[in-house]
Amino acid sequence: IAVTVAVAVAVAANERNAIRAWTAVVFSLFVPGRCIVSNWPRMATRSSVAVSVLFSLTILTLAATVTLWCNFWHPLGLFEVECAIAMAALFTAIYRRRWLVRAGDTIAMQAERNQ
């Protein structure tokens, strides 16, 4: 989430320097894949960084290819859409984790009461 917020702040502040470029590169290489890994519990057993980068490169390459084929190549617009989808997916993952933890605590408390 920190990388996504850094990109949003850099874009909102209309920064035109290396910081904006580096945050965009870090975002592109990590965040889209992390959204998938966070919402896919089976992937938690593998290296989350390596799998996140792999998924990010795959998704962004596919998205760029599809937009080029559709004659709708707009890199900034594509990046903004990716940011919005990534934020929604990350917040979904956070909510699911917290909900599952609370549900697990509730089940554990009920099991203790029944004993």
C-alpha atoms as a PDB file:
ATOM      1  CA  ILE A   1       0.000   0.000   0.000  1.00  0.00           C
ATOM      2  CA  ALA A   2       2.926   2.320   0.704  1.00  0.00           C
ATOM      3  CA  VAL A   3       4.117   2.103  -2.906  1.00  0.00           C
ATOM      4  CA  THR A   4       0.630   2.821  -4.219  1.00  0.00           C
ATOM      5  CA  VAL A   5       0.246   5.815  -1.912  1.00  0.00           C
ATOM      6  CA  ALA A   6       3.694   7.113  -2.943  1.00  0.00           C
ATOM      7  CA  VAL A   7       2.694   6.928  -6.608  1.00  0.00           C
ATOM      8  CA  ALA A   8      -0.623   8.653  -5.918  1.00  0.00           C
ATOM      9  CA  VAL A   9       1.109  11.465  -4.008  1.00  0.00           C
ATOM     10  CA  ALA A  10       3.743  11.912  -6.724  1.00  0.00           C
ATOM     11  CA  VAL A  11       1.059  12.105  -9.418  1.00  0.00           C
ATOM     12  CA  ALA A  12      -1.224  14.385  -7.383  1.00  0.00           C
ATOM     13  CA  ALA A  13       1.684  16.742  -6.621  1.00  0.00           C
ATOM     14  CA  ASN A  14       2.430  16.815 -10.359  1.00  0.00           C
ATOM     15  CA  GLU A  15       6.051  15.857  -9.731  1.00  0.00           C
ATOM     16  CA  ARG A  16       8.141  15.546 -12.891  1.00  0.00           C
ATOM     17  CA  ASN A  17      11.347  14.099 -11.503  1.00  0.00           C
ATOM     18  CA  ALA A  18      13.149  10.830 -10.854  1.00  0.00           C
ATOM     19  CA  ILE A  19      11.118  10.085  -7.717  1.00  0.00           C
ATOM     20  CA  ARG A  20       7.916   9.796  -9.735  1.00  0.00           C
ATOM     21  CA  ALA A  21       9.637   7.612 -12.310  1.00  0.00           C
ATOM     22  CA  TRP A  22      11.121   5.279  -9.696  1.00  0.00           C
ATOM     23  CA  THR A  23       7.876   4.945  -7.769  1.00  0.00           C
ATOM     24  CA  ALA A  24       6.109   4.119 -11.034  1.00  0.00           C
ATOM     25  CA  VAL A  25       8.680   1.429 -11.861  1.00  0.00           C
ATOM     26  CA  VAL A  26       8.499  -0.085  -8.371  1.00  0.00           C
ATOM     27  CA  PHE A  27       4.711   0.012  -8.534  1.00  0.00           C
ATOM     28  CA  SER A  28       4.644  -1.632 -11.951  1.00  0.00           C
ATOM     29  CA  LEU A  29       7.037  -4.386 -10.959  1.00  0.00           C
ATOM     30  CA  PHE A  30       5.465  -5.284  -7.633  1.00  0.00           C
ATOM     31  CA  VAL A  31       1.961  -4.070  -6.832  1.00  0.00           C
ATOM     32  CA  PRO A  32      -0.273  -5.740  -9.482  1.00  0.00           C
ATOM     33  CA  GLY A  33       1.245  -9.125  -8.729  1.00  0.00           C
ATOM     34  CA  ARG A  34       1.027  -8.520  -4.992  1.00  0.00           C
ATOM     35  CA  CYS A  35      -2.698  -7.915  -5.390  1.00  0.00           C
ATOM     36  CA  ILE A  36      -3.077 -11.395  -6.847  1.00  0.00           C
ATOM     37  CA  VAL A  37      -0.787 -13.081  -4.317  1.00  0.00           C
ATOM     38  CA  SER A  38      -2.566 -11.362  -1.404  1.00  0.00           C
ATOM     39  CA  ASN A  39      -5.951 -12.625  -2.546  1.00  0.00           C
ATOM     40  CA  TRP A  40      -4.736 -16.140  -3.393  1.00  0.00           C
ATOM     41  CA  PRO A  41      -3.915 -17.999  -0.153  1.00  0.00           C
ATOM     42  CA  ARG A  42      -2.189 -20.921  -1.908  1.00  0.00           C
ATOM     43  CA  MET A  43       0.472 -18.554  -3.217  1.00  0.00           C
ATOM     44  CA  ALA A  44       1.457 -17.577   0.331  1.00  0.00           C
ATOM     45  CA  THR A  45       3.649 -20.688   0.586  1.00  0.00           C
ATOM     46  CA  ARG A  46       5.924 -19.517  -2.212  1.00  0.00           C
ATOM     47  CA  SER A  47       8.247 -16.534  -2.403  1.00  0.00           C
ATOM     48  CA  SER A  48       5.776 -13.674  -2.426  1.00  0.00           C
ATOM     49  CA  VAL A  49       8.209 -11.149  -3.922  1.00  0.00           C
ATOM     50  CA  ALA A  50       9.295 -13.350  -6.838  1.00  0.00           C
ATOM     51  CA  VAL A  51       5.758 -14.449  -7.638  1.00  0.00           C
ATOM     52  CA  SER A  52       4.501 -10.869  -7.328  1.00  0.00           C
ATOM     53  CA  VAL A  53       7.073  -9.608  -9.834  1.00  0.00           C
ATOM     54  CA  LEU A  54       6.292 -12.491 -12.197  1.00  0.00           C
ATOM     55  CA  PHE A  55       2.546 -11.823 -12.082  1.00  0.00           C
ATOM     56  CA  SER A  56       3.080  -8.063 -12.414  1.00  0.00           C
ATOM     57  CA  LEU A  57       5.186  -8.388 -15.535  1.00  0.00           C
ATOM     58  CA  THR A  58       2.725 -10.846 -17.038  1.00  0.00           C
ATOM     59  CA  ILE A  59      -0.344  -8.728 -16.314  1.00  0.00           C
ATOM     60  CA  LEU A  60       1.179  -5.440 -17.438  1.00  0.00           C
ATOM     61  CA  THR A  61       2.544  -6.975 -20.637  1.00  0.00           C
ATOM     62  CA  LEU A  62      -0.850  -8.489 -21.407  1.00  0.00           C
ATOM     63  CA  ALA A  63      -2.660  -5.219 -20.660  1.00  0.00           C
ATOM     64  CA  ALA A  64      -0.261  -3.207 -22.837  1.00  0.00           C
ATOM     65  CA  THR A  65      -0.575  -5.707 -25.690  1.00  0.00           C
ATOM     66  CA  VAL A  66      -4.377  -5.704 -25.561  1.00  0.00           C
ATOM     67  CA  THR A  67      -4.574  -1.901 -25.512  1.00  0.00           C
ATOM     68  CA  LEU A  68      -2.217  -1.738 -28.487  1.00  0.00           C
ATOM     69  CA  TRP A  69      -4.281  -4.262 -30.443  1.00  0.00           C
ATOM     70  CA  CYS A  70      -7.440  -2.294 -29.676  1.00  0.00           C
ATOM     71  CA  ASN A  71      -5.780   0.950 -30.860  1.00  0.00           C
ATOM     72  CA  PHE A  72      -6.234   2.459 -27.410  1.00  0.00           C
ATOM     73  CA  TRP A  73      -2.640   3.017 -26.374  1.00  0.00           C
ATOM     74  CA  HIS A  74      -2.671   5.520 -23.557  1.00  0.00           C
ATOM     75  CA  PRO A  75       0.076   4.645 -21.040  1.00  0.00           C
ATOM     76  CA  LEU A  76      -0.940   7.158 -18.368  1.00  0.00           C
ATOM     77  CA  GLY A  77      -4.584   6.115 -18.539  1.00  0.00           C
ATOM     78  CA  LEU A  78      -3.581   2.459 -18.331  1.00  0.00           C
ATOM     79  CA  PHE A  79      -1.402   3.228 -15.303  1.00  0.00           C
ATOM     80  CA  GLU A  80      -4.234   5.096 -13.565  1.00  0.00           C
ATOM     81  CA  VAL A  81      -6.627   2.194 -14.121  1.00  0.00           C
ATOM     82  CA  GLU A  82      -4.014  -0.235 -12.776  1.00  0.00           C
ATOM     83  CA  CYS A  83      -3.587   1.969  -9.667  1.00  0.00           C
ATOM     84  CA  ALA A  84      -7.323   2.005  -8.996  1.00  0.00           C
ATOM     85  CA  ILE A  85      -7.698  -1.752  -9.463  1.00  0.00           C
ATOM     86  CA  ALA A  86      -4.635  -2.416  -7.318  1.00  0.00           C
ATOM     87  CA  MET A  87      -5.917  -0.278  -4.448  1.00  0.00           C
ATOM     88  CA  ALA A  88      -9.286  -2.044  -4.539  1.00  0.00           C
ATOM     89  CA  ALA A  89      -7.644  -5.484  -4.605  1.00  0.00           C
ATOM     90  CA  LEU A  90      -5.248  -4.665  -1.771  1.00  0.00           C
ATOM     91  CA  PHE A  91      -7.996  -3.292   0.444  1.00  0.00           C
ATOM     92  CA  THR A  92     -10.061  -6.397  -0.332  1.00  0.00           C
ATOM     93  CA  ALA A  93      -7.146  -8.581   0.775  1.00  0.00           C
ATOM     94  CA  ILE A  94      -6.721  -6.586   3.994  1.00  0.00           C
ATOM     95  CA  TYR A  95     -10.435  -6.790   4.749  1.00  0.00           C
ATOM     96  CA  ARG A  96     -10.530 -10.537   4.061  1.00  0.00           C
ATOM     97  CA  ARG A  97      -7.551 -11.184   6.332  1.00  0.00           C
ATOM     98  CA  ARG A  98      -9.020  -9.187   9.182  1.00  0.00           C
ATOM     99  CA  TRP A  99     -12.440 -10.779   8.722  1.00  0.00           C
ATOM    100  CA  LEU A 100     -10.960 -14.293   8.665  1.00  0.00           C
ATOM    101  CA  VAL A 101      -8.913 -13.569  11.797  1.00  0.00           C
ATOM    102  CA  ARG A 102     -11.981 -12.298  13.620  1.00  0.00           C
ATOM    103  CA  ALA A 103     -14.049 -15.240  12.382  1.00  0.00           C
ATOM    104  CA  GLY A 104     -11.300 -17.609  13.530  1.00  0.00           C
ATOM    105  CA  ASP A 105     -11.212 -15.978  16.955  1.00  0.00           C
ATOM    106  CA  THR A 106     -14.987 -16.294  17.227  1.00  0.00           C
ATOM    107  CA  ILE A 107     -14.880 -19.975  16.318  1.00  0.00           C
ATOM    108  CA  ALA A 108     -12.055 -20.593  18.804  1.00  0.00           C
ATOM    109  CA  MET A 109     -13.983 -18.804  21.566  1.00  0.00           C
ATOM    110  CA  GLN A 110     -17.103 -20.855  20.842  1.00  0.00           C
ATOM    111  CA  ALA A 111     -15.078 -24.081  20.930  1.00  0.00           C
ATOM    112  CA  GLU A 112     -13.654 -23.106  24.330  1.00  0.00           C
ATOM    113  CA  ARG A 113     -17.125 -22.386  25.698  1.00  0.00           C
ATOM    114  CA  ASN A 114     -18.403 -25.773  24.517  1.00  0.00           C
ATOM    115  CA  GLN A 115     -15.645 -27.635  26.350  1.00  0.00           C
END
